[in-house]
Every structure is written in C-alpha cells, then in structure tokens.
Amino acid sequence: METVPALIDGKPALARSGETLEATDPATRETLARFPRCGAEDVDDAVGAAAAAFPAWRTLHPNERAAAVGRIADVVARHAEELALLDVADNGSPIREMRHDAHIAAAQLRYFAGLALQVRGETIPTGFDRLDYTLPEPFGVVGRIIPFNHPLMFAAGRIGAPLVAGNTVVLKPSEHTSLSALRLGELIADVVPPGVVNIVPGLGSEAGEALVVHPDVRRLSFIGSVAVGRTIQQRAAAHIVKTVTLELGGKNPIAIFPDADLDLAVDGALRGMNFTWQGQSCGSTSRLLVHASEHAAFVDRLAERIGALRSGPPADEATDTGAIVHPMQYAKVLDYLRIARDEGARVVVGGGPPEDESLAGGLFLRPTLFDGVRPDSRLAQEEIFGPVLAAMPFERYDEAVATANAVPYGLTAAVFTRDLSTAHRFARDIQAGYVWVNDSSRHFPGTPYGGVKDSGIGRDEGTEELLSFCQLKNVNVRL
C-alpha cells in the first residue's frame, strides 16, 4: 500500500522511525493509504528547515511573498476537485461541502496575499527633535495544528497569513484526515522555497506535542477541542514563553423570537447546525431557543426539513449528510444520544443510524433533533461535535439571553427577529465572538472569527489574523 510522504525542507520524507499510520474511509471502513507517523525527531527536522529558510523568506519584498501565496492559491484552485475528493474519502463529508472548502481555501490565500502591504507600523509624536516609529516583524517559525473537520480548508487557508507576514510554517494535520494536506505539500513543494512550508503528520500526543514544546517555535496556533487547547497552553508555557492562539469548541445558541420571519428562521436553524458535515463544526448552533408561543410549531417544521436530509455515500452529489469522521467520534455521539434519552429529552427526528442497509458498514448517523431539553442538562451544556440539535423554549428576552450564556463556551450565536432593538440588544448581551442576525453559519472574508470564554483566544479570517503573526518593535530616535 502506498505511503504518502510528509513534506520537510521541500522534499518528501518518511518518519525517522519508519512507522506509519493508516487513513481510513469512514463511509466504508476501508483503508485508503498509509502516511508517516512523525515524532519529535521529524518535527525537529521540520522546525530546523523552517528556521533555516526564515532569514531569506522574511527579507523578500512583501509583494514577492504575496505572489508566492497567490501561486499556492492557484494550485489549490487548479486541483480543487482532486483535493476535495481526498477529503471526501478521508473525512466522510459530502463532496459538495468539500469542494466548497477547496474554493474557500484558495480565496483565503488570495485574501491574505492582497493584504501584504497592510503589514505596516506607525509613527508616534514624542517631541520636535525625536522620532518614534513601530515595526511589525515576523516571529520566525510558526506552528499550526489543525483539526479533522475541514482538512484542506484549514491546511491551505491557514498558512496564508503567517507566510505573508514573513514567517515560515510547520503544519500538523489531524491524524484522522491527513491526506489532502500531504497532497497539498506535494503540489506546492516547488512553489515556495524549501523549508518555507513543512507538513508533518502524526499523532497529537507525539508530533503535536513536539511542535507545542519546541523552543524554536515561538508562535503557535491551534484549532480543536477545549481540553486539548488548555493542555497546549499548559505544555507550551512549561517550556518557553510562547504566543498561542486557540480556536476551540462551542455550544452555540440560536434564538428565535416570536416576531421573526419563521421561514427564514427554519432555514437558519437547519443551516446553522451544519448537518451537511455531520454537525462536526465548532461554530454549529446546536442549542435551539424558540419563544414558547412558536416553539411546538417551529420544532415540527424544522423536524420535517431535517428528516428530508439524505444520508448517503459522501461522493454522491445528491448526498446531504455523510459519515462521522472516525470510530471514537462515532461512539461519542452515540453515547450522547443515550445520555439525552436518559435525561428525559424526546427524539423528534433521527436518533440513530440510517435505515438504509447499504450504509450499514460505515459511520453514519441520522441528523437528530431533541425537544424537551433542560438548559442545565449535559445535552445542552456539552459540545457533542455531531449531528445533534437540542431545542428548548423561552418566555422572555432575559430568559433567552441567560440560557444562551449559561455555558462555558462563547464562539458563535444567532438571533432571528424583525425588531431592530431586540437584534442589537442580543448582539450586545450575548457572550460570543461571532454573532449572526437573521442568518447563521456564513463566514465573510475580512471579518474576524473567534471566541470568548472557553472558546478560544485570538481572531482568524481578517486583518487581525495577519497582524497576530507579527511582533511589534518600537524604535525611538533622538535627532
């Protein structure tokens, strides 16, 4: 079976140990390929290559770095279908979503390439015969650790900002979905100088840990669970002072007020749950709060829409919802379905595997809606990262906000209302980093995405992300 290599110093590489991991299709449970089980020695090689490439990369004119990032975007766009199909096989999400991810990745790279000349300092008045100015400078080697839910989009899209800012990158993809990142490495090996981008797959406890504690990686970015994010903070701080940003989990509310456009709100609740990648999104609006006067009717309408979603082979263009990414995640979601029933919640639709026997060999679960959910229950408090939506009614505005804020997370939130005051009050009062009004789930280039509370530190997808990969130096001159 083919072993897909890592990318270190511009060249294909296997793990020094010779060990490999297997990529498995969650829809069929078939093994797709092997890839290197990189460890600390391999990460050290990658960081060394990135450190060696850094001086020449940082001294390139910003437009030259931008041009190189633009060429990476062209490669991603040119190979979008191939890369999307790799994600379909490796991740289990439908082809329509993975194709969309590939085009988003190319767009994100082009967006940051276009911002190259916005990495600039400022002059500060300090007196007639003095000059004071600031210089944004790159950190050096940047480590990026990405999750399994958007393999290519994060692998490609999240290297744009650090590269444009003048850093070199060591990327660690999820051990569950490494194939598209490794193929990206093959495709761009000759697009940027050797060592500028390095891709090292492996276990989080091995390759990820080595990247977190490496003394030559002063800037680290992680996307994943709260538990792992907290561990990364602790491990990084135990070794050196390191700048760490975290995009973590969410248990996000969507609030439907009685004056809302209910057709629009049903669409928003369906889209906001991200059922089309099996609910495996930190931004999913997985707590549905509906005013009591509309609650029962709204749940019935939404259940009909959810029930109509087609579970099927992820490569089929007609499939709406595919397979859960790996067996541990599948078992976790099944466990929460049991917990919800034990807590007294009522299954409105879904609640288990599909009836289609042709899907029986894969990790398929039907999109599920629970009603009668207590706001303090585990179903309402804990992130499941699966296709499970919890509905609960509210009577008053203050009750909706209190319930929405009564979790340790604060990533996204959505509100549906025709009342301008209610919309802006909710946006003000909700504890979340990204709020939609009369919409859900959509991201827009240039808008800062990230969370508060346990949902993370830092913002991505806008100028804030670009500048976060710079350190500010102040220069004071006596004339």
Foldseek 3Di string as FASTA:
>chain_A
DAEQFWAAQLDGDAAPVNDWDWQAFQQFRHTDHIYHAHFLVVLVRLLVLQLVCQVVLLPPDLLVLLVLLLVLLVLLVVCLQVLLVLLCRLFWFASVVSSVLSNLLSVLSNLLSVCLVVQAKDWDDDDDQKTKIKHWAFLAEEEEEEESLRQQSCLRNVVRLLSSRRYAYEYEYALRRCVSSSVSSVRCSVSDGGSRYTYDYHHCVGSVLSQLQPPSHQEYEYEEALVVVVVSVVSNVVHDNHHYWYQHAAQEAEEEEPQFPLVLVLVQLVVQCVQSAFSQDRRRNQEYEYAPVCQVVSVVVSQVVLQPAAEDRSHDPNHRHTAHRDDVLLVLLLVVLVQCVVVPWAKPDWSAADPPPVSVSRRGGRQTETEPDDLPGCSNAPDSSGRYHYYYYDHDLVRSQCSRQPYQWAFEYEYGHPDPVSQVVSVVRHQHDYYYYSHHDDDDAADWGHTPGSSIGFTDRHVRSSSSSIDMDMDMGRD
